[in-house]
Amino acid sequence: MMELQAGSGVQEEQSILPAANKKYKDTIFRMLFSDKKNLLSLYNALNGKNYSNCDQLEIVTLENAIYMSMKNDLAFILDLDLFLWEHQSTYNPNIPLRDLMYIAKEYEKYIKEKGISLYSSRQQKIPAPQFIVFYNGNRKIGERMEHRLSDAYETVRGEPALELKVLVININEGTTRN
């Protein structure tokens, strides 16, 4: 074991430690919540629900979203809603645009699997999307915040024709939550 000499500063101590790899946090998040029991527990805690049957939950995370040079952390359907959850340790206001691309692919997959015809004269029903980011980065943000796709538009005249809202929940230690 390497010992620091007396009087050595924090700078020296930090240079001995390896740099943190932020990808591990994302990997742990995906590993932990790809287990239906853990995912259902987190869902219940966030929504004040008490589901106990893991079979009611269908994980639909995009496995090959890498082709977009992005990855989707977690997607699932429960109670006729489609949830896209991300873990981020880096602040990213572009998440609504990324989620727009993810949700389009999720719906494409859903329509294909269910054999839904988009050319039907009947309105086709799809799960309602909900987007959440669990944030634990260094940038100081409030307990909760919202990113909107329309914030990225060059110009906005009136109400945007397309909107996507992403709830960001600060999960850093010491952040108070209701």
N, C-alpha and C. Protein backbone atom coordinates (compact mmCIF):
# COMPACT_ATOMS: atom_id res chain seq x y z
N MET A 1 0.84 -1.17 0.00
CA MET A 1 0.00 0.00 0.00
C MET A 1 0.89 1.23 0.00
N MET A 2 0.54 2.19 -0.80
CA MET A 2 1.32 3.41 -0.91
C MET A 2 0.92 4.38 0.19
N GLU A 3 1.89 4.93 0.88
CA GLU A 3 1.60 5.90 1.94
C GLU A 3 1.98 7.29 1.47
N LEU A 4 1.19 8.25 1.89
CA LEU A 4 1.52 9.64 1.60
C LEU A 4 2.46 10.16 2.66
N GLN A 5 3.42 10.93 2.25
CA GLN A 5 4.36 11.49 3.21
C GLN A 5 3.70 12.66 3.92
N ALA A 6 4.12 12.88 5.14
CA ALA A 6 3.58 13.98 5.93
C ALA A 6 3.77 15.29 5.18
N GLY A 7 2.74 16.09 5.22
CA GLY A 7 2.81 17.40 4.57
C GLY A 7 2.41 17.36 3.11
N SER A 8 2.17 16.17 2.57
CA SER A 8 1.76 16.14 1.17
C SER A 8 0.35 16.67 1.04
N GLY A 9 0.07 17.34 -0.03
CA GLY A 9 -1.22 17.99 -0.21
C GLY A 9 -2.26 17.09 -0.84
N VAL A 10 -3.44 17.63 -0.92
CA VAL A 10 -4.56 16.92 -1.51
C VAL A 10 -4.27 16.64 -2.99
N GLN A 11 -3.56 17.55 -3.66
CA GLN A 11 -3.23 17.37 -5.07
C GLN A 11 -2.52 16.04 -5.29
N GLU A 12 -1.51 15.75 -4.44
CA GLU A 12 -0.77 14.50 -4.58
C GLU A 12 -1.66 13.31 -4.32
N GLU A 13 -2.50 13.39 -3.32
CA GLU A 13 -3.39 12.28 -2.97
C GLU A 13 -4.35 11.99 -4.12
N GLN A 14 -4.88 13.03 -4.76
CA GLN A 14 -5.81 12.84 -5.85
C GLN A 14 -5.13 12.22 -7.06
N SER A 15 -3.86 12.53 -7.28
CA SER A 15 -3.18 11.99 -8.45
C SER A 15 -2.94 10.49 -8.31
N ILE A 16 -2.98 9.96 -7.10
CA ILE A 16 -2.79 8.53 -6.88
C ILE A 16 -4.05 7.75 -7.24
N LEU A 17 -5.22 8.37 -7.02
CA LEU A 17 -6.48 7.70 -7.27
C LEU A 17 -6.81 7.71 -8.75
N PRO A 18 -7.37 6.61 -9.27
CA PRO A 18 -7.75 6.61 -10.69
C PRO A 18 -8.94 7.53 -10.92
N ALA A 19 -9.04 8.03 -12.12
CA ALA A 19 -10.18 8.90 -12.48
C ALA A 19 -11.45 8.06 -12.50
N ALA A 20 -12.55 8.65 -12.07
CA ALA A 20 -13.83 7.96 -12.05
C ALA A 20 -14.34 7.77 -13.47
N ASN A 21 -14.89 6.60 -13.74
CA ASN A 21 -15.50 6.33 -15.03
C ASN A 21 -17.01 6.45 -14.86
N LYS A 22 -17.60 7.51 -15.41
CA LYS A 22 -19.02 7.79 -15.21
C LYS A 22 -19.91 6.75 -15.88
N LYS A 23 -19.41 6.00 -16.83
CA LYS A 23 -20.22 4.97 -17.50
C LYS A 23 -20.64 3.88 -16.51
N TYR A 24 -19.84 3.65 -15.46
CA TYR A 24 -20.19 2.61 -14.49
C TYR A 24 -21.51 2.93 -13.81
N LYS A 25 -21.77 4.22 -13.53
CA LYS A 25 -23.02 4.59 -12.89
C LYS A 25 -24.21 4.21 -13.76
N ASP A 26 -24.11 4.50 -15.07
CA ASP A 26 -25.18 4.14 -16.00
C ASP A 26 -25.36 2.64 -16.06
N THR A 27 -24.26 1.91 -16.12
CA THR A 27 -24.31 0.46 -16.19
C THR A 27 -24.96 -0.12 -14.95
N ILE A 28 -24.61 0.40 -13.79
CA ILE A 28 -25.20 -0.09 -12.54
C ILE A 28 -26.69 0.21 -12.52
N PHE A 29 -27.08 1.40 -12.95
CA PHE A 29 -28.51 1.76 -13.01
C PHE A 29 -29.26 0.77 -13.88
N ARG A 30 -28.74 0.50 -15.09
CA ARG A 30 -29.41 -0.43 -16.00
C ARG A 30 -29.45 -1.84 -15.42
N MET A 31 -28.34 -2.28 -14.83
CA MET A 31 -28.30 -3.62 -14.25
C MET A 31 -29.30 -3.75 -13.10
N LEU A 32 -29.30 -2.79 -12.21
CA LEU A 32 -30.17 -2.84 -11.04
C LEU A 32 -31.64 -2.84 -11.44
N PHE A 33 -32.01 -1.97 -12.37
CA PHE A 33 -33.43 -1.82 -12.69
C PHE A 33 -33.88 -2.62 -13.91
N SER A 34 -33.01 -3.43 -14.48
CA SER A 34 -33.48 -4.38 -15.48
C SER A 34 -34.10 -5.59 -14.78
N ASP A 35 -33.91 -5.68 -13.46
CA ASP A 35 -34.59 -6.68 -12.64
C ASP A 35 -36.00 -6.14 -12.35
N LYS A 36 -37.01 -6.88 -12.79
CA LYS A 36 -38.40 -6.41 -12.68
C LYS A 36 -38.81 -6.09 -11.25
N LYS A 37 -38.32 -6.86 -10.30
CA LYS A 37 -38.70 -6.61 -8.90
C LYS A 37 -38.17 -5.25 -8.43
N ASN A 38 -36.92 -4.95 -8.75
CA ASN A 38 -36.33 -3.66 -8.39
C ASN A 38 -37.02 -2.51 -9.12
N LEU A 39 -37.29 -2.72 -10.41
CA LEU A 39 -37.94 -1.70 -11.21
C LEU A 39 -39.34 -1.39 -10.69
N LEU A 40 -40.09 -2.42 -10.36
CA LEU A 40 -41.44 -2.23 -9.84
C LEU A 40 -41.41 -1.50 -8.50
N SER A 41 -40.43 -1.82 -7.68
CA SER A 41 -40.27 -1.14 -6.39
C SER A 41 -40.00 0.35 -6.58
N LEU A 42 -39.12 0.70 -7.52
CA LEU A 42 -38.83 2.10 -7.79
C LEU A 42 -40.06 2.79 -8.37
N TYR A 43 -40.74 2.14 -9.28
CA TYR A 43 -41.97 2.70 -9.86
C TYR A 43 -42.99 3.00 -8.75
N ASN A 44 -43.19 2.03 -7.88
CA ASN A 44 -44.14 2.21 -6.77
C ASN A 44 -43.75 3.39 -5.89
N ALA A 45 -42.46 3.49 -5.56
CA ALA A 45 -41.98 4.58 -4.70
C ALA A 45 -42.19 5.94 -5.36
N LEU A 46 -41.97 6.04 -6.66
CA LEU A 46 -42.13 7.31 -7.36
C LEU A 46 -43.59 7.71 -7.55
N ASN A 47 -44.46 6.72 -7.67
CA ASN A 47 -45.84 7.00 -8.04
C ASN A 47 -46.86 6.75 -6.94
N GLY A 48 -46.39 6.39 -5.75
CA GLY A 48 -47.31 6.14 -4.65
C GLY A 48 -48.23 4.96 -4.92
N LYS A 49 -47.75 3.99 -5.68
CA LYS A 49 -48.54 2.80 -6.03
C LYS A 49 -48.07 1.62 -5.19
N ASN A 50 -48.77 0.52 -5.31
CA ASN A 50 -48.42 -0.67 -4.55
C ASN A 50 -48.54 -1.93 -5.41
N TYR A 51 -48.02 -1.86 -6.64
CA TYR A 51 -48.03 -3.04 -7.50
C TYR A 51 -47.12 -4.11 -6.89
N SER A 52 -47.54 -5.36 -7.00
CA SER A 52 -46.70 -6.44 -6.48
C SER A 52 -46.44 -7.52 -7.53
N ASN A 53 -47.20 -7.52 -8.61
CA ASN A 53 -47.05 -8.52 -9.65
C ASN A 53 -46.10 -8.01 -10.74
N CYS A 54 -44.90 -8.54 -10.74
CA CYS A 54 -43.89 -8.11 -11.71
C CYS A 54 -44.28 -8.45 -13.15
N ASP A 55 -45.19 -9.41 -13.32
CA ASP A 55 -45.62 -9.80 -14.66
C ASP A 55 -46.45 -8.70 -15.34
N GLN A 56 -46.94 -7.73 -14.58
CA GLN A 56 -47.69 -6.61 -15.15
C GLN A 56 -46.76 -5.62 -15.85
N LEU A 57 -45.49 -5.76 -15.61
CA LEU A 57 -44.48 -4.84 -16.13
C LEU A 57 -43.78 -5.50 -17.32
N GLU A 58 -43.68 -4.79 -18.42
CA GLU A 58 -42.99 -5.30 -19.61
C GLU A 58 -41.81 -4.39 -19.93
N ILE A 59 -40.61 -4.91 -19.81
CA ILE A 59 -39.41 -4.13 -20.13
C ILE A 59 -39.24 -4.14 -21.64
N VAL A 60 -39.13 -2.94 -22.23
CA VAL A 60 -39.04 -2.80 -23.69
C VAL A 60 -37.82 -1.94 -24.09
N THR A 61 -36.81 -1.91 -23.25
CA THR A 61 -35.61 -1.11 -23.52
C THR A 61 -35.04 -1.45 -24.89
N LEU A 62 -34.68 -0.43 -25.64
CA LEU A 62 -34.09 -0.64 -26.95
C LEU A 62 -32.71 -1.26 -26.78
N GLU A 63 -32.54 -2.43 -27.33
CA GLU A 63 -31.27 -3.13 -27.20
C GLU A 63 -30.24 -2.64 -28.20
N ASN A 64 -30.68 -2.18 -29.35
CA ASN A 64 -29.72 -1.78 -30.38
C ASN A 64 -29.82 -0.30 -30.67
N ALA A 65 -30.04 0.49 -29.64
CA ALA A 65 -30.11 1.95 -29.84
C ALA A 65 -28.72 2.54 -30.09
N ILE A 66 -27.70 1.71 -30.05
CA ILE A 66 -26.34 2.17 -30.29
C ILE A 66 -26.20 2.71 -31.71
N TYR A 67 -27.02 2.22 -32.64
CA TYR A 67 -26.91 2.67 -34.02
C TYR A 67 -27.10 4.19 -34.12
N MET A 68 -27.78 4.77 -33.13
CA MET A 68 -27.98 6.22 -33.11
C MET A 68 -26.81 6.90 -32.39
N SER A 69 -25.80 6.13 -32.02
CA SER A 69 -24.67 6.56 -31.21
C SER A 69 -25.13 7.08 -29.86
N MET A 70 -26.26 6.55 -29.40
CA MET A 70 -26.81 6.86 -28.08
C MET A 70 -27.28 5.56 -27.48
N LYS A 71 -27.50 5.58 -26.20
CA LYS A 71 -28.09 4.40 -25.58
C LYS A 71 -29.28 4.82 -24.73
N ASN A 72 -30.23 3.93 -24.68
CA ASN A 72 -31.45 4.12 -23.91
C ASN A 72 -31.28 3.31 -22.63
N ASP A 73 -31.36 3.94 -21.47
CA ASP A 73 -31.11 3.23 -20.23
C ASP A 73 -32.20 2.22 -19.89
N LEU A 74 -33.45 2.67 -19.89
CA LEU A 74 -34.52 1.79 -19.45
C LEU A 74 -35.85 2.24 -20.01
N ALA A 75 -36.59 1.31 -20.58
CA ALA A 75 -37.94 1.59 -21.07
C ALA A 75 -38.83 0.43 -20.66
N PHE A 76 -40.03 0.77 -20.20
CA PHE A 76 -40.97 -0.29 -19.82
C PHE A 76 -42.40 0.20 -19.96
N ILE A 77 -43.29 -0.78 -20.09
CA ILE A 77 -44.73 -0.49 -20.17
C ILE A 77 -45.38 -1.05 -18.92
N LEU A 78 -46.21 -0.21 -18.30
CA LEU A 78 -46.98 -0.62 -17.13
C LEU A 78 -48.23 0.23 -17.09
N ASP A 79 -49.35 -0.42 -16.88
CA ASP A 79 -50.60 0.31 -16.71
C ASP A 79 -50.91 1.20 -17.91
N LEU A 80 -50.64 0.69 -19.12
CA LEU A 80 -50.89 1.38 -20.39
C LEU A 80 -50.08 2.66 -20.57
N ASP A 81 -48.97 2.78 -19.86
CA ASP A 81 -48.04 3.90 -20.03
C ASP A 81 -46.70 3.33 -20.46
N LEU A 82 -45.97 4.11 -21.23
CA LEU A 82 -44.63 3.74 -21.67
C LEU A 82 -43.64 4.69 -21.01
N PHE A 83 -42.79 4.15 -20.18
CA PHE A 83 -41.84 4.94 -19.40
C PHE A 83 -40.46 4.84 -20.01
N LEU A 84 -39.82 5.98 -20.20
CA LEU A 84 -38.42 6.02 -20.60
C LEU A 84 -37.67 6.69 -19.48
N TRP A 85 -36.81 5.93 -18.81
CA TRP A 85 -36.03 6.43 -17.69
C TRP A 85 -34.56 6.42 -18.05
N GLU A 86 -33.89 7.48 -17.68
CA GLU A 86 -32.46 7.61 -17.91
C GLU A 86 -31.78 7.97 -16.59
N HIS A 87 -30.55 7.53 -16.46
CA HIS A 87 -29.70 7.97 -15.36
C HIS A 87 -28.62 8.84 -15.98
N GLN A 88 -28.39 10.02 -15.39
CA GLN A 88 -27.35 10.90 -15.92
C GLN A 88 -26.51 11.46 -14.78
N SER A 89 -25.21 11.39 -14.97
CA SER A 89 -24.31 12.03 -14.03
C SER A 89 -23.73 13.30 -14.65
N THR A 90 -24.14 13.60 -15.86
CA THR A 90 -23.74 14.82 -16.55
C THR A 90 -25.00 15.58 -16.93
N TYR A 91 -25.04 16.86 -16.63
CA TYR A 91 -26.19 17.68 -16.98
C TYR A 91 -26.34 17.72 -18.49
N ASN A 92 -27.55 17.48 -19.01
CA ASN A 92 -27.76 17.44 -20.44
C ASN A 92 -29.14 17.98 -20.80
N PRO A 93 -29.22 19.23 -21.24
CA PRO A 93 -30.52 19.80 -21.61
C PRO A 93 -31.04 19.26 -22.95
N ASN A 94 -30.26 18.42 -23.64
CA ASN A 94 -30.69 17.85 -24.92
C ASN A 94 -31.48 16.55 -24.76
N ILE A 95 -31.75 16.15 -23.54
CA ILE A 95 -32.46 14.89 -23.31
C ILE A 95 -33.84 14.85 -23.98
N PRO A 96 -34.59 15.95 -24.08
CA PRO A 96 -35.88 15.84 -24.79
C PRO A 96 -35.72 15.43 -26.26
N LEU A 97 -34.70 15.93 -26.93
CA LEU A 97 -34.47 15.54 -28.32
C LEU A 97 -34.06 14.07 -28.41
N ARG A 98 -33.20 13.64 -27.51
CA ARG A 98 -32.82 12.22 -27.47
C ARG A 98 -34.04 11.35 -27.19
N ASP A 99 -34.88 11.78 -26.22
CA ASP A 99 -36.07 11.00 -25.90
C ASP A 99 -37.06 10.96 -27.06
N LEU A 100 -37.13 12.02 -27.84
CA LEU A 100 -37.99 12.03 -29.02
C LEU A 100 -37.56 10.92 -29.98
N MET A 101 -36.26 10.79 -30.17
CA MET A 101 -35.73 9.75 -31.05
C MET A 101 -35.99 8.37 -30.47
N TYR A 102 -35.82 8.22 -29.15
CA TYR A 102 -36.09 6.93 -28.50
C TYR A 102 -37.56 6.55 -28.61
N ILE A 103 -38.45 7.51 -28.31
CA ILE A 103 -39.88 7.18 -28.28
C ILE A 103 -40.37 6.82 -29.69
N ALA A 104 -39.83 7.47 -30.70
CA ALA A 104 -40.20 7.12 -32.07
C ALA A 104 -39.83 5.66 -32.36
N LYS A 105 -38.64 5.26 -31.95
CA LYS A 105 -38.21 3.86 -32.15
C LYS A 105 -39.04 2.90 -31.30
N GLU A 106 -39.36 3.30 -30.08
CA GLU A 106 -40.19 2.45 -29.21
C GLU A 106 -41.57 2.24 -29.83
N TYR A 107 -42.16 3.31 -30.34
CA TYR A 107 -43.48 3.18 -30.97
C TYR A 107 -43.41 2.36 -32.24
N GLU A 108 -42.36 2.53 -33.01
CA GLU A 108 -42.18 1.72 -34.22
C GLU A 108 -42.14 0.23 -33.86
N LYS A 109 -41.38 -0.10 -32.82
CA LYS A 109 -41.28 -1.49 -32.37
C LYS A 109 -42.63 -1.98 -31.84
N TYR A 110 -43.31 -1.15 -31.06
CA TYR A 110 -44.60 -1.51 -30.47
C TYR A 110 -45.65 -1.79 -31.56
N ILE A 111 -45.73 -0.91 -32.55
CA ILE A 111 -46.69 -1.05 -33.64
C ILE A 111 -46.44 -2.33 -34.43
N LYS A 112 -45.18 -2.61 -34.68
CA LYS A 112 -44.81 -3.83 -35.42
C LYS A 112 -45.19 -5.07 -34.63
N GLU A 113 -44.83 -5.09 -33.32
CA GLU A 113 -45.12 -6.26 -32.47
C GLU A 113 -46.62 -6.50 -32.30
N LYS A 114 -47.41 -5.43 -32.22
CA LYS A 114 -48.86 -5.56 -31.99
C LYS A 114 -49.64 -5.69 -33.30
N GLY A 115 -48.96 -5.57 -34.43
CA GLY A 115 -49.62 -5.67 -35.72
C GLY A 115 -50.61 -4.53 -35.97
N ILE A 116 -50.28 -3.36 -35.49
CA ILE A 116 -51.15 -2.20 -35.63
C ILE A 116 -50.99 -1.60 -37.02
N SER A 117 -52.12 -1.30 -37.67
CA SER A 117 -52.09 -0.66 -38.97
C SER A 117 -52.27 0.85 -38.80
N LEU A 118 -51.33 1.60 -39.28
CA LEU A 118 -51.42 3.05 -39.21
C LEU A 118 -52.34 3.61 -40.29
N TYR A 119 -52.79 2.76 -41.21
CA TYR A 119 -53.67 3.19 -42.29
C TYR A 119 -55.12 2.80 -42.03
N SER A 120 -55.40 2.35 -40.82
CA SER A 120 -56.75 1.98 -40.43
C SER A 120 -57.63 3.23 -40.32
N SER A 121 -58.92 3.08 -40.55
CA SER A 121 -59.84 4.21 -40.39
C SER A 121 -60.21 4.41 -38.92
N ARG A 122 -59.80 3.47 -38.06
CA ARG A 122 -60.00 3.59 -36.61
C ARG A 122 -58.76 4.18 -35.95
N GLN A 123 -58.99 4.99 -34.93
CA GLN A 123 -57.87 5.54 -34.15
C GLN A 123 -57.16 4.39 -33.45
N GLN A 124 -55.86 4.28 -33.64
CA GLN A 124 -55.07 3.24 -32.99
C GLN A 124 -54.55 3.78 -31.66
N LYS A 125 -54.64 2.98 -30.62
CA LYS A 125 -54.22 3.38 -29.28
C LYS A 125 -52.80 2.91 -29.02
N ILE A 126 -52.04 3.78 -28.39
CA ILE A 126 -50.65 3.47 -28.02
C ILE A 126 -50.44 3.87 -26.56
N PRO A 127 -49.45 3.29 -25.91
CA PRO A 127 -49.18 3.69 -24.51
C PRO A 127 -48.73 5.15 -24.43
N ALA A 128 -49.21 5.85 -23.42
CA ALA A 128 -48.82 7.24 -23.20
C ALA A 128 -47.39 7.29 -22.67
N PRO A 129 -46.54 8.16 -23.23
CA PRO A 129 -45.14 8.21 -22.79
C PRO A 129 -44.95 9.08 -21.55
N GLN A 130 -43.99 8.68 -20.75
CA GLN A 130 -43.55 9.48 -19.61
C GLN A 130 -42.03 9.39 -19.56
N PHE A 131 -41.39 10.53 -19.35
CA PHE A 131 -39.93 10.61 -19.41
C PHE A 131 -39.37 11.11 -18.09
N ILE A 132 -38.40 10.36 -17.55
CA ILE A 132 -37.76 10.76 -16.30
C ILE A 132 -36.25 10.58 -16.43
N VAL A 133 -35.52 11.55 -15.90
CA VAL A 133 -34.07 11.44 -15.76
C VAL A 133 -33.75 11.47 -14.27
N PHE A 134 -32.97 10.50 -13.83
CA PHE A 134 -32.45 10.49 -12.45
C PHE A 134 -31.05 11.08 -12.54
N TYR A 135 -30.89 12.25 -11.96
CA TYR A 135 -29.65 13.02 -12.10
C TYR A 135 -28.85 13.01 -10.82
N ASN A 136 -27.56 12.70 -10.93
CA ASN A 136 -26.68 12.80 -9.76
C ASN A 136 -25.32 13.39 -10.11
N GLY A 137 -25.34 14.40 -10.95
CA GLY A 137 -24.10 15.06 -11.35
C GLY A 137 -23.68 16.15 -10.38
N ASN A 138 -22.61 16.83 -10.74
CA ASN A 138 -22.03 17.89 -9.90
C ASN A 138 -22.71 19.24 -10.05
N ARG A 139 -23.34 19.48 -11.18
CA ARG A 139 -24.00 20.76 -11.40
C ARG A 139 -25.17 20.90 -10.42
N LYS A 140 -25.23 22.02 -9.78
CA LYS A 140 -26.29 22.27 -8.80
C LYS A 140 -27.61 22.54 -9.52
N ILE A 141 -28.58 21.69 -9.27
CA ILE A 141 -29.92 21.91 -9.79
C ILE A 141 -30.88 21.72 -8.63
N GLY A 142 -32.10 22.12 -8.82
CA GLY A 142 -33.10 21.94 -7.78
C GLY A 142 -33.48 20.48 -7.60
N GLU A 143 -34.40 20.28 -6.71
CA GLU A 143 -34.90 18.93 -6.41
C GLU A 143 -35.52 18.27 -7.63
N ARG A 144 -36.27 19.07 -8.39
CA ARG A 144 -36.90 18.62 -9.63
C ARG A 144 -36.86 19.77 -10.63
N MET A 145 -36.75 19.40 -11.88
CA MET A 145 -36.82 20.40 -12.94
C MET A 145 -37.38 19.74 -14.18
N GLU A 146 -37.68 20.53 -15.17
CA GLU A 146 -38.24 20.00 -16.40
C GLU A 146 -37.48 20.56 -17.59
N HIS A 147 -37.14 19.66 -18.51
CA HIS A 147 -36.58 20.07 -19.80
C HIS A 147 -37.69 19.89 -20.83
N ARG A 148 -37.77 20.82 -21.77
CA ARG A 148 -38.78 20.77 -22.82
C ARG A 148 -38.11 20.77 -24.18
N LEU A 149 -38.66 19.99 -25.09
CA LEU A 149 -38.14 19.97 -26.45
C LEU A 149 -38.22 21.35 -27.07
N SER A 150 -39.27 22.08 -26.80
CA SER A 150 -39.46 23.40 -27.41
C SER A 150 -38.37 24.39 -27.00
N ASP A 151 -37.65 24.13 -25.91
CA ASP A 151 -36.54 25.00 -25.52
C ASP A 151 -35.41 24.95 -26.55
N ALA A 152 -35.37 23.89 -27.35
CA ALA A 152 -34.32 23.73 -28.37
C ALA A 152 -34.71 24.35 -29.71
N TYR A 153 -35.96 24.74 -29.88
CA TYR A 153 -36.39 25.30 -31.16
C TYR A 153 -35.73 26.65 -31.40
N GLU A 154 -35.29 26.86 -32.62
CA GLU A 154 -34.69 28.15 -33.00
C GLU A 154 -35.71 29.27 -32.84
N THR A 155 -36.94 29.01 -33.31
CA THR A 155 -38.00 30.01 -33.18
C THR A 155 -39.26 29.31 -32.69
N VAL A 156 -40.00 29.99 -31.86
CA VAL A 156 -41.29 29.47 -31.38
C VAL A 156 -42.30 30.60 -31.52
N ARG A 157 -43.34 30.31 -32.26
CA ARG A 157 -44.42 31.29 -32.42
C ARG A 157 -45.68 30.65 -31.86
N GLY A 158 -46.10 31.12 -30.73
CA GLY A 158 -47.28 30.54 -30.10
C GLY A 158 -46.96 29.20 -29.46
N GLU A 159 -47.96 28.39 -29.33
CA GLU A 159 -47.79 27.07 -28.71
C GLU A 159 -47.10 26.12 -29.69
N PRO A 160 -46.03 25.42 -29.25
CA PRO A 160 -45.32 24.52 -30.16
C PRO A 160 -46.24 23.40 -30.65
N ALA A 161 -46.10 23.04 -31.92
CA ALA A 161 -46.89 21.95 -32.48
C ALA A 161 -46.41 20.59 -31.95
N LEU A 162 -45.18 20.53 -31.50
CA LEU A 162 -44.63 19.30 -30.94
C LEU A 162 -43.90 19.64 -29.64
N GLU A 163 -44.32 19.01 -28.56
CA GLU A 163 -43.68 19.24 -27.26
C GLU A 163 -43.37 17.89 -26.63
N LEU A 164 -42.29 17.83 -25.90
CA LEU A 164 -41.92 16.65 -25.13
C LEU A 164 -41.29 17.17 -23.84
N LYS A 165 -41.84 16.72 -22.72
CA LYS A 165 -41.37 17.17 -21.41
C LYS A 165 -40.66 16.03 -20.70
N VAL A 166 -39.51 16.35 -20.12
CA VAL A 166 -38.73 15.37 -19.37
C VAL A 166 -38.58 15.87 -17.94
N LEU A 167 -39.04 15.07 -17.01
CA LEU A 167 -38.88 15.38 -15.59
C LEU A 167 -37.48 14.95 -15.16
N VAL A 168 -36.74 15.86 -14.56
CA VAL A 168 -35.40 15.56 -14.04
C VAL A 168 -35.52 15.55 -12.52
N ILE A 169 -35.15 14.42 -11.91
CA ILE A 169 -35.19 14.28 -10.46
C ILE A 169 -33.76 14.22 -9.95
N ASN A 170 -33.41 15.16 -9.08
CA ASN A 170 -32.07 15.21 -8.51
C ASN A 170 -32.00 14.16 -7.40
N ILE A 171 -31.15 13.14 -7.60
CA ILE A 171 -31.02 12.06 -6.62
C ILE A 171 -29.75 12.17 -5.78
N ASN A 172 -29.10 13.32 -5.85
CA ASN A 172 -27.90 13.52 -5.04
C ASN A 172 -28.25 13.46 -3.56
N GLU A 173 -27.32 12.93 -2.80
CA GLU A 173 -27.49 12.88 -1.35
C GLU A 173 -27.68 14.29 -0.80
N GLY A 174 -28.59 14.42 0.12
CA GLY A 174 -28.85 15.71 0.72
C GLY A 174 -29.95 16.50 0.03
N THR A 175 -30.42 15.98 -1.11
CA THR A 175 -31.53 16.63 -1.81
C THR A 175 -32.82 16.16 -1.15
N THR A 176 -33.63 17.09 -0.70
CA THR A 176 -34.89 16.71 -0.05
C THR A 176 -35.94 16.43 -1.08
N ARG A 177 -36.72 15.40 -0.85
CA ARG A 177 -37.82 15.01 -1.75
C ARG A 177 -39.07 14.82 -0.93
N ASN A 178 -40.19 15.09 -1.59
CA ASN A 178 -41.50 14.88 -0.94
C ASN A 178 -41.88 13.43 -1.00
